[in-house]
Amino acid sequence: MKIVITGGHLSPALAVIEKLGNSEIYYIGRKHSFEGDSATSLEYEEIVKLRVPFYSINAARLQRRFTKHTIPSLTKFPVGFFQSLKILRQIKPDIVLGFGGYISLPVILAAFLLRIPIVIHEQTLEAGFANKIEAKFAQKICISWQSSEQYFPKQKTVLTGNPLRGVVLNAKPFREETGLPKIYITGGSSGSHAINLLVEKSLKELLEKFTVVHQTGDARRHADFERLQSAVNKLDSQLAKNYHSQRFFSPEDTANNLSRSNLVVGRAGLNTVTELIYFKTPAFLIPLPFSQRNEQLKNALFLKGLGLGEIGLQNELTPEIFVAKILAMLKNLEKYRLEQNVLVPEAAQNIVKVLKDVATKKTA
């Protein structure tokens, strides 16, 4: 099977790639995350590592409101669409798999025009704007959660689950019973300046009571990693040894940090929430305040409703409140137990089966 993959949700895409076996895989995305920035995108780096051919296109960001950026953004859409047409004609795939986001829309529309079968995957609890449009052209719609079903045509929709990578599925969870409780603090793949500031301003209080593993990110503008290291170096050496930071952790180390910590502090991206559910790790979540459609707050409320977390709103958190919330959770960890397992098993394999079924019907 020759397959083109595209879209904005990288983690589930990588999980499916791992299960595609001998398939011939191609990826269409953005080589650079930001226009005018020479830094390559995470998707480009991860896909190239797997030796999967990567094709970069220009794409218009989908905007729900009219702003000064709307018209300049829309002018890019035809460029991305014709680039996608050219690439798909060159590759001649048996099927196209989309993982949502604005980058996928020109690819999906081009595939529809070329009569290439289309499968899309919805990672979120509801439905992304791009996937709502693409659902009209797709043969099958794979959803991660039962709550998404209401947004798509029933006859096309399959509950496959949200795929997790092998490094997550193969992680061996254990939590040490001796020593200080371990907290893993993360701001997601690019780090969070707001969370880093909370940690910096409450560093001494945290390190007196916990072992802290901290993923700071690498934003040059804020230099959080360097500043935190400098702050730690000024502390008593006995306290300083309780702090372990890196700009980024490998996927294997991230999985181990999530599975082996007593508590996780971080943002509320759906992939992080899925992994927390998988490991049954309690979490104090600080949702990104400007996420699309307040998605991260909904994700955090979902985890809290399952009995596994608490929520802190970024604009309400002071260093004192931050420490108090963490202390309160650590004192009552037995309270945080998963009420029900909502993960669909073997999600990546389920999506691969849908792909093969749709591709087979096309050739039959």
Protein backbone atom coordinates (compact mmCIF):
# COMPACT_ATOMS: atom_id res chain seq x y z
CA MET A 1 0.00 0.00 0.00
CA LYS A 2 1.32 3.41 -1.01
CA ILE A 3 0.15 6.04 1.45
CA VAL A 4 0.47 9.79 1.89
CA ILE A 5 0.13 11.14 5.45
CA THR A 6 -0.53 14.77 6.31
CA GLY A 7 -1.92 16.88 9.14
CA GLY A 8 -1.29 18.80 12.32
CA HIS A 9 -1.33 16.06 14.97
CA LEU A 10 2.14 14.52 14.76
CA SER A 11 2.11 12.01 17.64
CA PRO A 12 -0.78 9.87 16.36
CA ALA A 13 0.70 10.06 12.87
CA LEU A 14 4.02 8.68 14.14
CA ALA A 15 2.21 5.91 16.04
CA VAL A 16 0.41 4.83 12.85
CA ILE A 17 3.64 4.98 10.81
CA GLU A 18 5.17 2.50 13.27
CA LYS A 19 2.38 0.03 12.46
CA LEU A 20 2.30 0.41 8.68
CA GLY A 21 4.93 -2.26 8.16
CA ASN A 22 6.02 -2.64 4.55
CA SER A 23 3.81 0.16 3.23
CA GLU A 24 5.37 2.85 1.06
CA ILE A 25 4.92 6.02 3.13
CA TYR A 26 5.19 9.70 2.16
CA TYR A 27 4.54 12.76 4.32
CA ILE A 28 3.26 16.21 3.35
CA GLY A 29 3.72 18.99 5.91
CA ARG A 30 5.63 22.16 6.71
CA LYS A 31 9.40 22.16 6.87
CA HIS A 32 9.43 25.34 8.97
CA SER A 33 7.03 25.97 11.84
CA PHE A 34 7.06 29.75 11.40
CA GLU A 35 7.38 31.84 8.27
CA GLY A 36 10.71 33.60 7.99
CA ASP A 37 12.24 31.36 10.66
CA SER A 38 15.09 29.09 9.59
CA ALA A 39 14.40 26.58 12.39
CA THR A 40 12.94 23.35 11.06
CA SER A 41 9.63 22.04 12.38
CA LEU A 42 9.37 19.10 14.78
CA GLU A 43 7.35 17.15 12.20
CA TYR A 44 10.10 17.57 9.61
CA GLU A 45 12.81 16.42 12.02
CA GLU A 46 10.85 13.40 13.27
CA ILE A 47 9.69 12.25 9.82
CA VAL A 48 13.16 12.59 8.26
CA LYS A 49 14.61 10.54 11.16
CA LEU A 50 12.32 7.70 10.04
CA ARG A 51 13.63 8.04 6.46
CA VAL A 52 10.14 8.83 5.20
CA PRO A 53 10.16 11.18 2.17
CA PHE A 54 8.96 14.64 3.29
CA TYR A 55 7.26 17.15 0.98
CA SER A 56 6.82 20.73 2.23
CA ILE A 57 3.91 22.91 1.12
CA ASN A 58 2.63 26.41 1.88
CA ALA A 59 -0.72 26.45 3.62
CA ALA A 60 -3.20 29.06 4.81
CA ARG A 61 -3.97 29.08 8.51
CA LEU A 62 -7.70 28.57 9.07
CA GLN A 63 -9.17 31.52 10.93
CA ARG A 64 -12.62 31.61 12.52
CA ARG A 65 -12.71 35.40 12.73
CA PHE A 66 -11.92 38.08 10.17
CA THR A 67 -8.68 39.87 11.10
CA LYS A 68 -5.96 41.77 9.27
CA HIS A 69 -4.25 38.38 8.70
CA THR A 70 -7.27 36.71 7.07
CA ILE A 71 -6.82 37.85 3.47
CA PRO A 72 -3.00 37.39 3.34
CA SER A 73 -3.49 33.92 4.80
CA LEU A 74 -6.21 32.98 2.31
CA THR A 75 -4.02 33.96 -0.64
CA LYS A 76 -1.67 31.12 0.33
CA PHE A 77 -4.35 28.45 0.01
CA PRO A 78 -4.27 28.16 -3.81
CA VAL A 79 -0.48 27.79 -3.67
CA GLY A 80 -0.71 24.93 -1.17
CA PHE A 81 -3.52 23.32 -3.15
CA PHE A 82 -1.59 23.29 -6.46
CA GLN A 83 1.57 22.12 -4.69
CA SER A 84 -0.47 19.23 -3.24
CA LEU A 85 -1.92 18.36 -6.65
CA LYS A 86 1.57 18.20 -8.14
CA ILE A 87 2.94 16.04 -5.31
CA LEU A 88 0.01 13.60 -5.35
CA ARG A 89 0.19 13.23 -9.14
CA GLN A 90 3.88 12.46 -8.76
CA ILE A 91 3.46 9.91 -5.95
CA LYS A 92 0.18 8.33 -7.13
CA PRO A 93 -0.75 6.99 -3.66
CA ASP A 94 -3.39 4.34 -3.00
CA ILE A 95 -4.77 6.39 -0.10
CA VAL A 96 -4.31 9.66 1.82
CA LEU A 97 -4.51 9.80 5.63
CA GLY A 98 -5.13 13.18 7.27
CA PHE A 99 -4.55 14.10 10.92
CA GLY A 100 -6.40 17.43 10.95
CA GLY A 101 -5.06 20.98 11.06
CA TYR A 102 -4.84 23.63 8.36
CA ILE A 103 -1.88 21.92 6.67
CA SER A 104 -4.06 18.92 5.75
CA LEU A 105 -6.87 20.79 3.99
CA PRO A 106 -5.22 21.51 0.59
CA VAL A 107 -3.87 17.93 0.51
CA ILE A 108 -7.28 16.38 1.22
CA LEU A 109 -9.02 18.57 -1.38
CA ALA A 110 -6.38 17.71 -3.98
CA ALA A 111 -6.79 14.00 -3.19
CA PHE A 112 -10.56 14.30 -3.62
CA LEU A 113 -10.13 16.00 -7.00
CA LEU A 114 -7.76 13.21 -8.09
CA ARG A 115 -10.20 10.54 -6.79
CA ILE A 116 -7.70 9.16 -4.29
CA PRO A 117 -9.43 7.50 -1.29
CA ILE A 118 -9.26 9.55 1.92
CA VAL A 119 -9.27 8.61 5.61
CA ILE A 120 -9.07 11.24 8.34
CA HIS A 121 -8.40 10.95 12.07
CA GLU A 122 -9.81 13.24 14.78
CA GLN A 123 -7.66 13.36 17.91
CA THR A 124 -9.67 15.85 19.95
CA LEU A 125 -12.72 15.31 22.19
CA GLU A 126 -14.88 17.24 19.72
CA ALA A 127 -13.99 18.03 16.09
CA GLY A 128 -11.36 20.26 14.55
CA PHE A 129 -12.36 22.92 12.03
CA ALA A 130 -10.35 21.34 9.19
CA ASN A 131 -11.70 17.85 9.88
CA LYS A 132 -15.30 19.13 9.81
CA ILE A 133 -14.65 20.31 6.23
CA GLU A 134 -12.64 17.23 5.23
CA ALA A 135 -15.31 14.84 6.54
CA LYS A 136 -17.40 15.66 3.44
CA PHE A 137 -14.68 14.21 1.20
CA ALA A 138 -13.43 11.29 3.29
CA GLN A 139 -14.45 7.66 2.87
CA LYS A 140 -13.87 6.99 6.58
CA ILE A 141 -13.47 9.14 9.70
CA CYS A 142 -11.52 7.62 12.60
CA ILE A 143 -12.29 9.17 15.99
CA SER A 144 -10.37 8.90 19.27
CA TRP A 145 -13.27 9.41 21.68
CA GLN A 146 -16.98 8.59 21.68
CA SER A 147 -17.72 12.30 22.28
CA SER A 148 -16.59 13.15 18.71
CA GLU A 149 -19.19 10.92 17.08
CA GLN A 150 -21.91 13.61 17.09
CA TYR A 151 -19.85 15.86 14.79
CA PHE A 152 -19.49 13.45 11.86
CA PRO A 153 -21.73 11.36 9.57
CA LYS A 154 -22.51 8.17 11.47
CA GLN A 155 -22.14 5.82 8.50
CA LYS A 156 -18.56 6.99 7.87
CA THR A 157 -17.35 7.15 11.46
CA VAL A 158 -15.27 4.51 13.26
CA LEU A 159 -14.14 4.66 16.90
CA THR A 160 -10.48 3.64 16.60
CA GLY A 161 -8.95 5.42 19.61
CA ASN A 162 -6.03 7.83 19.91
CA PRO A 163 -2.80 6.05 18.85
CA LEU A 164 0.14 5.92 21.23
CA ARG A 165 3.73 5.38 20.10
CA GLY A 166 5.66 2.25 20.95
CA VAL A 167 7.93 4.11 23.39
CA VAL A 168 4.82 4.88 25.46
CA LEU A 169 3.26 1.43 25.20
CA ASN A 170 6.57 -0.23 26.09
CA ALA A 171 7.46 2.04 29.05
CA LYS A 172 7.75 0.18 32.35
CA PRO A 173 5.99 2.22 35.05
CA PHE A 174 7.26 2.16 38.61
CA ARG A 175 7.22 4.72 41.40
CA GLU A 176 9.83 4.72 44.12
CA GLU A 177 8.39 4.38 47.62
CA THR A 178 11.44 5.89 49.34
CA GLY A 179 12.97 9.35 49.11
CA LEU A 180 11.25 12.55 48.06
CA PRO A 181 8.19 12.40 45.81
CA LYS A 182 9.08 12.95 42.15
CA ILE A 183 7.37 15.67 40.11
CA TYR A 184 7.74 15.94 36.33
CA ILE A 185 7.13 19.50 35.08
CA THR A 186 6.70 20.04 31.36
CA GLY A 187 5.42 22.75 29.07
CA GLY A 188 4.98 20.50 26.05
CA SER A 189 7.31 20.10 23.09
CA SER A 190 8.35 23.78 23.04
CA GLY A 191 8.21 24.42 26.77
CA SER A 192 6.12 27.00 28.62
CA HIS A 193 7.56 30.33 29.78
CA ALA A 194 4.60 30.87 32.14
CA ILE A 195 5.12 27.51 33.87
CA ASN A 196 8.88 28.03 33.96
CA LEU A 197 8.38 31.35 35.75
CA LEU A 198 6.15 29.68 38.38
CA VAL A 199 8.85 27.07 38.97
CA GLU A 200 11.62 29.69 39.15
CA LYS A 201 9.75 31.79 41.71
CA SER A 202 8.98 28.78 43.91
CA LEU A 203 12.18 26.80 43.36
CA LYS A 204 13.38 26.66 46.97
CA GLU A 205 9.95 25.61 48.32
CA LEU A 206 9.63 22.88 45.67
CA LEU A 207 13.12 21.45 46.14
CA GLU A 208 12.75 21.25 49.91
CA LYS A 209 9.92 18.76 49.45
CA PHE A 210 10.26 17.15 46.02
CA THR A 211 12.63 15.82 43.39
CA VAL A 212 11.84 17.96 40.35
CA VAL A 213 12.43 16.81 36.76
CA HIS A 214 11.84 19.83 34.52
CA GLN A 215 11.53 20.14 30.75
CA THR A 216 12.07 23.84 30.08
CA GLY A 217 12.01 24.10 26.28
CA ASP A 218 14.54 26.11 24.31
CA ALA A 219 12.98 29.52 23.65
CA ARG A 220 15.97 31.80 23.02
CA ARG A 221 13.88 34.88 23.73
CA HIS A 222 13.37 33.94 27.38
CA ALA A 223 16.49 31.82 28.05
CA ASP A 224 14.52 29.92 30.73
CA PHE A 225 16.86 26.93 30.85
CA GLU A 226 19.94 29.05 31.53
CA ARG A 227 18.17 31.30 34.03
CA LEU A 228 16.79 28.37 36.03
CA GLN A 229 20.19 26.69 36.11
CA SER A 230 21.68 29.92 37.43
CA ALA A 231 18.99 30.11 40.14
CA VAL A 232 19.62 26.48 41.16
CA ASN A 233 23.38 27.07 41.39
CA LYS A 234 22.75 29.76 44.01
CA LEU A 235 20.89 27.32 46.26
CA ASP A 236 22.32 25.05 48.93
CA SER A 237 23.94 22.03 47.26
CA GLN A 238 21.62 19.63 49.12
CA LEU A 239 18.62 21.36 47.53
CA ALA A 240 20.27 21.74 44.12
CA LYS A 241 20.72 17.97 43.78
CA ASN A 242 16.91 17.60 43.79
CA TYR A 243 16.57 19.52 40.51
CA HIS A 244 17.10 17.89 37.10
CA SER A 245 16.35 19.92 33.98
CA GLN A 246 16.71 19.57 30.23
CA ARG A 247 15.54 21.68 27.35
CA PHE A 248 13.99 18.60 25.75
CA PHE A 249 13.64 14.94 26.68
CA SER A 250 13.74 12.13 24.16
CA PRO A 251 10.43 10.32 23.52
CA GLU A 252 11.72 7.41 25.65
CA ASP A 253 12.69 9.69 28.55
CA THR A 254 9.40 11.59 28.30
CA ALA A 255 7.46 8.31 28.55
CA ASN A 256 9.54 7.26 31.57
CA ASN A 257 9.04 10.65 33.25
CA LEU A 258 5.27 10.43 32.77
CA SER A 259 5.06 6.84 33.98
CA ARG A 260 7.48 7.00 36.93
CA SER A 261 6.57 10.31 38.55
CA ASN A 262 4.25 10.69 41.52
CA LEU A 263 2.76 13.80 39.91
CA VAL A 264 2.95 15.55 36.53
CA VAL A 265 2.59 19.32 36.13
CA GLY A 266 2.01 20.62 32.63
CA ARG A 267 -0.21 21.78 29.81
CA ALA A 268 -3.32 19.88 28.71
CA GLY A 269 -2.69 18.85 25.13
CA LEU A 270 -4.75 15.81 24.15
CA ASN A 271 -1.71 13.66 23.54
CA THR A 272 -0.37 14.38 27.04
CA VAL A 273 -3.80 13.68 28.54
CA THR A 274 -3.99 10.36 26.66
CA GLU A 275 -0.58 9.30 27.98
CA LEU A 276 -1.50 10.31 31.54
CA ILE A 277 -4.62 8.14 31.29
CA TYR A 278 -2.54 5.26 29.94
CA PHE A 279 -0.05 5.49 32.82
CA LYS A 280 -2.73 6.42 35.40
CA THR A 281 -0.45 9.24 36.60
CA PRO A 282 -2.08 12.06 38.61
CA ALA A 283 -1.59 15.51 37.09
CA PHE A 284 -1.93 19.19 37.91
CA LEU A 285 -2.81 20.72 34.56
CA ILE A 286 -2.40 24.37 33.56
CA PRO A 287 -4.31 24.69 30.26
CA LEU A 288 -2.91 26.94 27.55
CA PRO A 289 -5.18 30.00 27.98
CA PHE A 290 -5.37 30.85 24.28
CA SER A 291 -5.83 27.37 22.78
CA GLN A 292 -8.34 27.10 19.94
CA ARG A 293 -11.95 26.85 21.19
CA ASN A 294 -10.56 26.59 24.73
CA GLU A 295 -9.59 23.02 23.82
CA GLN A 296 -6.97 22.56 26.53
CA LEU A 297 -9.37 23.53 29.31
CA LYS A 298 -11.86 20.94 27.99
CA ASN A 299 -9.07 18.34 27.94
CA ALA A 300 -8.11 19.20 31.53
CA LEU A 301 -11.75 18.98 32.68
CA PHE A 302 -11.97 15.59 30.95
CA LEU A 303 -8.97 14.27 32.92
CA LYS A 304 -10.32 15.74 36.15
CA GLY A 305 -13.69 14.08 35.48
CA LEU A 306 -11.91 10.74 35.19
CA GLY A 307 -10.55 11.25 38.71
CA LEU A 308 -6.94 11.77 37.70
CA GLY A 309 -6.26 15.48 37.91
CA GLU A 310 -6.72 19.02 39.14
CA ILE A 311 -6.69 22.27 37.18
CA GLY A 312 -4.95 25.61 37.71
CA LEU A 313 -5.82 28.58 35.49
CA GLN A 314 -2.68 30.39 34.38
CA ASN A 315 -3.94 33.91 35.11
CA GLU A 316 -4.93 32.90 38.66
CA LEU A 317 -1.75 31.09 39.69
CA THR A 318 0.77 32.82 41.92
CA PRO A 319 3.91 30.96 43.06
CA GLU A 320 2.30 30.53 46.51
CA ILE A 321 -0.93 29.08 45.09
CA PHE A 322 1.09 26.90 42.70
CA VAL A 323 3.08 25.28 45.53
CA ALA A 324 -0.01 24.95 47.75
CA LYS A 325 -1.94 23.12 44.99
CA ILE A 326 0.91 20.67 44.39
CA LEU A 327 1.34 20.04 48.12
CA ALA A 328 -2.38 19.39 48.52
CA MET A 329 -2.35 16.84 45.70
CA LEU A 330 0.75 15.03 47.00
CA LYS A 331 -0.81 14.74 50.47
CA ASN A 332 -3.91 13.06 48.98
CA LEU A 333 -2.47 11.04 46.10
CA GLU A 334 -4.64 8.03 46.95
CA LYS A 335 -7.64 10.18 45.96
CA TYR A 336 -6.48 10.32 42.35
CA ARG A 337 -7.52 7.04 40.82
CA LEU A 338 -8.75 6.47 37.27
CA GLU A 339 -12.54 6.07 37.48
CA GLN A 340 -12.82 4.30 34.12
CA ASN A 341 -10.46 3.32 31.34
CA VAL A 342 -11.67 5.25 28.31
CA LEU A 343 -8.79 4.36 25.97
CA VAL A 344 -9.56 2.16 22.97
CA PRO A 345 -6.87 -0.57 22.82
CA GLU A 346 -4.63 -1.02 19.77
CA ALA A 347 -5.69 2.34 18.27
CA ALA A 348 -2.86 2.48 15.71
CA GLN A 349 -3.66 -1.03 14.45
CA ASN A 350 -7.34 -0.08 14.24
CA ILE A 351 -6.52 2.85 11.96
CA VAL A 352 -4.26 0.71 9.78
CA LYS A 353 -7.13 -1.78 9.36
CA VAL A 354 -9.46 1.04 8.24
CA LEU A 355 -6.81 2.20 5.74
CA LYS A 356 -6.42 -1.28 4.28
CA ASP A 357 -10.19 -1.78 4.04
CA VAL A 358 -10.69 1.53 2.21
CA ALA A 359 -7.71 0.95 -0.12
CA THR A 360 -8.92 -2.58 -0.91
CA LYS A 361 -12.42 -1.33 -1.85
CA LYS A 362 -10.87 1.16 -4.25
CA THR A 363 -8.91 -1.53 -6.10
CA ALA A 364 -11.72 -4.12 -6.03
